[in-house]
Amino acid sequence: MKWIVNFSGGLCSLFASLREIERHGRANVINLFADTLYENQDLHDFLRRSEDVTGVPVTRISYGLNPWQLFRKEGMIGNNGSPICSIRLKREPLNAWMESRYNLADDQSAFSFLPNATVTLGFDWTELHRVTDFQVEHPTWRLSAPMTEAPYWDKCRMIGEAEKLGFVTPEAYVLGFPHNNCGMVCVRAGISHFVHLHKVKPKRYLEAERDELETIKYLTDKGCSSAHFTILRDRRGGTSKPLSLRDLRLRIESGEQFPRDEWGGCGCGGEKIIVDERPTV
């Protein structure tokens, strides 16, 4: 039996891997990483350090496009309601790699020429709902989520333990972001996230703004509907309409105050989300 850790390059998946190694042995653990080609360099540094600490090489796979390239291919910009990058760049490649090499079925009587494996999720005890959602999507799979079990660690404990192991805390965590995904430009993030990004990493914000504007122009020139052509939505006045990063920046620079608790949720690479209301190219 192998334990395949869906290895995001985050703290929780690191310690999930270490717990599986402690339980089942290094030779039986696979750390599987889906590269979006849009990550901070320190995430890749984290992966290299994890190989030294765990003794398990990181198996890297990739769809071959970054999120903005994917949005142009798919004819829409992903957002929290339709996170096509999470699905296409992470969940689907991870699932395809695992299913083509291992029998993941929990039914031990199921006939298969493939060796057995359990899927290990890097969710902690505050994310039991994500484990449940994942199991609903894959009801026959063997699943493990060791960081949802005692001893229970919060993020501060994980950061401290990682530093003891020689890891440098990723810049995103140092700057106050709740995750280190896609270079701090996660399309599932909320307005508070992007207001904070503008404050602490204005150059990175402008890069994301440029990417969004260029993608909007590309899709408009292709004749796509403009209904979903932004990451964010403006819900003032009880109506929902697109809110571009450019327009948000202008509002920030005008001195407008924004909610501090609308961070959105990453949830990247977790449960599959149905993409609906897709515009037609």
Protein backbone atom coordinates (compact mmCIF):
# COMPACT_ATOMS: atom_id res chain seq x y z
CA MET A 1 0.00 0.00 0.00
CA LYS A 2 1.19 3.49 -0.92
CA TRP A 3 0.05 6.75 0.65
CA ILE A 4 -0.09 9.53 -1.96
CA VAL A 5 0.09 12.92 -0.29
CA ASN A 6 -1.56 15.68 -2.31
CA PHE A 7 1.42 17.90 -1.66
CA SER A 8 0.62 21.59 -2.15
CA GLY A 9 3.87 23.01 -0.89
CA GLY A 10 2.04 24.23 2.21
CA LEU A 11 2.65 23.53 5.87
CA CYS A 12 -0.27 21.18 6.39
CA SER A 13 0.63 18.87 3.53
CA LEU A 14 4.23 18.79 4.77
CA PHE A 15 3.21 17.58 8.21
CA ALA A 16 0.61 15.22 6.74
CA SER A 17 3.47 13.64 4.81
CA LEU A 18 5.66 13.39 7.92
CA ARG A 19 2.87 11.71 9.86
CA GLU A 20 2.32 9.20 7.06
CA ILE A 21 6.06 8.49 6.97
CA GLU A 22 6.05 7.89 10.71
CA ARG A 23 3.11 5.49 10.40
CA HIS A 24 3.92 3.65 7.19
CA GLY A 25 7.58 4.22 6.33
CA ARG A 26 9.31 6.53 3.89
CA ALA A 27 9.30 3.97 1.07
CA ASN A 28 5.50 3.86 1.09
CA VAL A 29 4.85 7.62 0.81
CA ILE A 30 4.60 9.64 -2.40
CA ASN A 31 4.53 13.44 -2.30
CA LEU A 32 2.63 14.54 -5.41
CA PHE A 33 2.73 18.22 -6.43
CA ALA A 34 0.67 19.83 -9.22
CA ASP A 35 2.54 22.89 -10.47
CA THR A 36 0.38 25.80 -11.67
CA LEU A 37 3.48 27.51 -13.14
CA TYR A 38 2.45 30.61 -11.20
CA GLU A 39 3.91 30.06 -7.75
CA ASN A 40 6.31 32.15 -5.69
CA GLN A 41 9.93 31.02 -5.84
CA ASP A 42 9.86 30.40 -2.10
CA LEU A 43 7.24 27.70 -2.61
CA HIS A 44 9.69 25.82 -4.83
CA ASP A 45 12.40 26.41 -2.21
CA PHE A 46 9.99 24.91 0.34
CA LEU A 47 9.53 21.84 -1.87
CA ARG A 48 13.28 21.33 -2.17
CA ARG A 49 13.70 21.59 1.59
CA SER A 50 10.84 19.13 2.09
CA GLU A 51 12.73 16.57 0.03
CA ASP A 52 15.69 16.90 2.40
CA VAL A 53 13.52 16.66 5.52
CA THR A 54 11.18 13.85 4.47
CA GLY A 55 13.63 11.90 2.36
CA VAL A 56 10.87 11.58 -0.24
CA PRO A 57 11.38 13.19 -3.66
CA VAL A 58 8.57 15.46 -4.79
CA THR A 59 6.80 14.07 -7.85
CA ARG A 60 5.95 17.10 -9.99
CA ILE A 61 3.18 17.13 -12.56
CA SER A 62 1.74 20.01 -14.59
CA TYR A 63 -1.10 20.74 -16.98
CA GLY A 64 1.36 22.94 -18.86
CA LEU A 65 -0.46 26.27 -18.55
CA ASN A 66 -0.50 28.96 -15.89
CA PRO A 67 -3.90 30.28 -14.71
CA TRP A 68 -4.07 33.22 -17.13
CA GLN A 69 -3.15 31.01 -20.10
CA LEU A 70 -5.84 28.59 -18.98
CA PHE A 71 -8.44 31.37 -18.73
CA ARG A 72 -7.78 32.31 -22.34
CA LYS A 73 -8.05 28.69 -23.44
CA GLU A 74 -11.29 28.13 -21.49
CA GLY A 75 -12.92 31.42 -22.49
CA MET A 76 -13.44 32.79 -18.99
CA ILE A 77 -11.58 34.17 -15.98
CA GLY A 78 -11.81 31.93 -12.94
CA ASN A 79 -13.27 33.18 -9.69
CA ASN A 80 -14.48 31.82 -6.37
CA GLY A 81 -17.70 30.55 -7.92
CA SER A 82 -15.99 28.95 -10.91
CA PRO A 83 -12.37 28.16 -9.94
CA ILE A 84 -11.45 26.46 -13.20
CA CYS A 85 -7.74 26.83 -12.43
CA SER A 86 -8.11 24.78 -9.25
CA ILE A 87 -9.93 22.09 -11.21
CA ARG A 88 -7.91 22.02 -14.44
CA LEU A 89 -4.43 22.76 -13.07
CA LYS A 90 -4.58 20.85 -9.79
CA ARG A 91 -7.47 18.50 -9.09
CA GLU A 92 -7.77 16.88 -12.51
CA PRO A 93 -4.02 16.30 -13.07
CA LEU A 94 -3.64 14.92 -9.52
CA ASN A 95 -6.58 12.56 -9.97
CA ALA A 96 -5.49 11.44 -13.42
CA TRP A 97 -1.95 10.67 -12.23
CA MET A 98 -3.16 8.68 -9.23
CA GLU A 99 -5.93 6.77 -10.98
CA SER A 100 -3.69 5.74 -13.88
CA ARG A 101 -1.11 4.20 -11.54
CA TYR A 102 -2.92 2.97 -8.44
CA ASN A 103 -6.11 1.30 -7.29
CA LEU A 104 -7.70 3.83 -4.95
CA ALA A 105 -10.90 1.88 -4.29
CA ASP A 106 -11.74 1.26 -0.66
CA ASP A 107 -13.38 -2.04 -1.56
CA GLN A 108 -10.55 -4.50 -1.01
CA SER A 109 -12.39 -7.11 -3.08
CA ALA A 110 -12.35 -4.87 -6.13
CA PHE A 111 -10.30 -6.52 -8.86
CA SER A 112 -7.46 -4.43 -10.23
CA PHE A 113 -4.06 -5.02 -11.78
CA LEU A 114 -2.87 -1.78 -10.15
CA PRO A 115 -1.19 -1.60 -6.73
CA ASN A 116 -3.29 -0.22 -3.89
CA ALA A 117 -2.94 3.33 -2.62
CA THR A 118 -4.57 5.72 -0.18
CA VAL A 119 -5.00 9.43 -0.98
CA THR A 120 -3.65 11.65 1.80
CA LEU A 121 -5.12 15.15 2.09
CA GLY A 122 -3.24 18.07 3.60
CA PHE A 123 -6.22 19.44 5.55
CA ASP A 124 -6.13 20.22 9.25
CA TRP A 125 -8.72 19.82 12.02
CA THR A 126 -10.43 23.09 11.07
CA GLU A 127 -11.10 21.73 7.57
CA LEU A 128 -13.05 18.58 8.27
CA HIS A 129 -15.76 19.86 5.93
CA ARG A 130 -13.25 19.73 3.09
CA VAL A 131 -12.45 16.11 3.88
CA THR A 132 -16.17 15.35 3.83
CA ASP A 133 -16.66 17.19 0.54
CA PHE A 134 -13.74 15.31 -1.00
CA GLN A 135 -15.14 11.97 0.17
CA VAL A 136 -18.53 12.85 -1.34
CA GLU A 137 -16.81 13.49 -4.67
CA HIS A 138 -14.84 10.23 -4.41
CA PRO A 139 -17.01 7.88 -2.36
CA THR A 140 -15.05 4.73 -3.23
CA TRP A 141 -11.56 6.06 -2.52
CA ARG A 142 -9.44 5.32 0.51
CA LEU A 143 -8.68 8.65 2.17
CA SER A 144 -6.39 9.78 4.97
CA ALA A 145 -6.17 13.23 6.58
CA PRO A 146 -3.67 12.85 9.43
CA MET A 147 -3.63 16.55 10.39
CA THR A 148 -7.33 16.33 11.31
CA GLU A 149 -6.32 13.89 14.06
CA ALA A 150 -4.60 14.33 17.43
CA PRO A 151 -2.21 15.86 18.18
CA TYR A 152 -4.05 18.90 16.81
CA TRP A 153 -1.81 21.65 15.47
CA ASP A 154 -2.81 25.15 14.47
CA LYS A 155 -0.98 27.20 11.83
CA CYS A 156 1.28 28.88 14.40
CA ARG A 157 2.39 25.48 15.69
CA MET A 158 3.11 24.33 12.15
CA ILE A 159 5.17 27.43 11.39
CA GLY A 160 7.20 26.93 14.57
CA GLU A 161 7.79 23.24 13.89
CA ALA A 162 8.76 23.95 10.28
CA GLU A 163 11.30 26.56 11.37
CA LYS A 164 12.86 23.98 13.71
CA LEU A 165 13.31 21.76 10.65
CA GLY A 166 15.13 24.51 8.78
CA PHE A 167 12.29 25.80 6.64
CA VAL A 168 12.11 29.50 5.85
CA THR A 169 8.56 30.71 6.42
CA PRO A 170 7.10 31.64 2.99
CA GLU A 171 6.73 35.35 2.32
CA ALA A 172 2.95 35.03 1.97
CA TYR A 173 2.60 33.84 5.57
CA VAL A 174 4.98 36.52 6.84
CA LEU A 175 2.89 39.19 5.09
CA GLY A 176 -0.31 37.94 6.69
CA PHE A 177 -1.89 35.92 3.88
CA PRO A 178 -3.71 32.72 4.91
CA HIS A 179 -2.09 30.58 2.20
CA ASN A 180 0.82 30.52 -0.24
CA ASN A 181 -0.89 29.66 -3.50
CA CYS A 182 -0.41 31.10 -6.98
CA GLY A 183 1.93 33.87 -5.90
CA MET A 184 -0.69 35.48 -3.63
CA VAL A 185 -3.05 35.97 -6.61
CA CYS A 186 -5.60 33.25 -5.93
CA VAL A 187 -8.85 33.73 -7.86
CA ARG A 188 -10.80 32.33 -4.90
CA ALA A 189 -9.63 35.20 -2.70
CA GLY A 190 -11.95 38.02 -1.66
CA ILE A 191 -11.71 41.80 -1.74
CA SER A 192 -9.87 41.99 1.61
CA HIS A 193 -7.15 39.75 0.20
CA PHE A 194 -6.57 41.96 -2.83
CA VAL A 195 -6.73 45.18 -0.81
CA HIS A 196 -4.03 43.69 1.41
CA LEU A 197 -2.02 42.60 -1.65
CA HIS A 198 -2.14 46.18 -2.96
CA LYS A 199 -0.83 47.40 0.39
CA VAL A 200 2.02 44.96 0.98
CA LYS A 201 2.98 43.91 -2.59
CA PRO A 202 1.89 46.72 -4.93
CA LYS A 203 4.11 45.51 -7.78
CA ARG A 204 2.58 42.04 -7.60
CA TYR A 205 -0.89 43.60 -7.57
CA LEU A 206 -0.11 45.60 -10.71
CA GLU A 207 1.15 42.45 -12.45
CA ALA A 208 -2.14 40.71 -11.64
CA GLU A 209 -4.09 43.78 -12.78
CA ARG A 210 -2.20 43.75 -16.08
CA ASP A 211 -2.81 40.03 -16.57
CA GLU A 212 -6.51 40.47 -15.92
CA LEU A 213 -6.86 43.44 -18.29
CA GLU A 214 -4.95 41.66 -21.05
CA THR A 215 -7.09 38.55 -20.62
CA ILE A 216 -10.30 40.59 -20.66
CA LYS A 217 -9.20 42.20 -23.93
CA TYR A 218 -8.24 38.84 -25.42
CA LEU A 219 -11.59 37.27 -24.53
CA THR A 220 -13.55 40.33 -25.64
CA ASP A 221 -11.78 40.28 -28.99
CA LYS A 222 -12.75 36.60 -29.30
CA GLY A 223 -16.39 37.56 -28.86
CA CYS A 224 -16.94 36.07 -25.40
CA SER A 225 -19.65 37.33 -23.08
CA SER A 226 -18.25 39.79 -20.52
CA ALA A 227 -20.44 38.59 -17.65
CA HIS A 228 -17.67 36.78 -15.79
CA PHE A 229 -14.59 38.67 -16.93
CA THR A 230 -13.17 39.51 -13.51
CA ILE A 231 -11.87 37.66 -10.46
CA LEU A 232 -13.92 39.82 -8.08
CA ARG A 233 -17.55 40.88 -7.91
CA ASP A 234 -18.90 44.24 -6.74
CA ARG A 235 -21.98 43.57 -4.58
CA ARG A 236 -22.73 47.11 -3.45
CA GLY A 237 -26.39 48.04 -3.52
CA GLY A 238 -27.55 44.45 -3.43
CA THR A 239 -26.55 43.67 -7.01
CA SER A 240 -23.57 41.68 -8.27
CA LYS A 241 -21.45 42.93 -11.14
CA PRO A 242 -17.86 42.44 -12.31
CA LEU A 243 -15.15 44.29 -10.40
CA SER A 244 -11.78 44.45 -12.15
CA LEU A 245 -8.54 44.73 -10.23
CA ARG A 246 -7.97 48.05 -12.01
CA ASP A 247 -11.26 49.47 -10.72
CA LEU A 248 -10.56 48.13 -7.24
CA ARG A 249 -7.14 49.83 -7.28
CA LEU A 250 -8.67 53.16 -8.27
CA ARG A 251 -11.14 52.87 -5.40
CA ILE A 252 -8.32 52.02 -2.98
CA GLU A 253 -6.28 54.99 -4.19
CA SER A 254 -9.29 57.28 -3.75
CA GLY A 255 -9.24 56.46 -0.05
CA GLU A 256 -12.27 54.18 0.08
CA GLN A 257 -12.39 51.84 3.07
CA PHE A 258 -13.12 48.15 2.56
CA PRO A 259 -14.26 45.28 4.79
CA ARG A 260 -11.42 43.50 6.56
CA ASP A 261 -13.05 40.09 6.77
CA GLU A 262 -13.81 39.26 3.13
CA TRP A 263 -10.73 37.11 2.48
CA GLY A 264 -12.51 34.42 0.49
CA GLY A 265 -11.23 30.89 0.71
CA CYS A 266 -8.51 29.12 -1.17
CA GLY A 267 -9.60 25.50 -1.01
CA CYS A 268 -7.41 24.91 -4.04
CA GLY A 269 -6.98 21.35 -5.19
CA GLY A 270 -9.61 20.10 -2.79
CA GLU A 271 -13.15 19.09 -3.54
CA LYS A 272 -14.28 19.37 -7.12
CA ILE A 273 -16.53 22.35 -7.80
CA ILE A 274 -19.07 22.36 -10.59
CA VAL A 275 -18.36 25.13 -13.06
CA ASP A 276 -21.60 26.65 -14.31
CA GLU A 277 -22.78 29.66 -16.29
CA ARG A 278 -19.77 29.37 -18.57
CA PRO A 279 -19.68 31.97 -21.35
CA THR A 280 -19.52 30.75 -24.92
CA VAL A 281 -16.52 31.51 -27.10
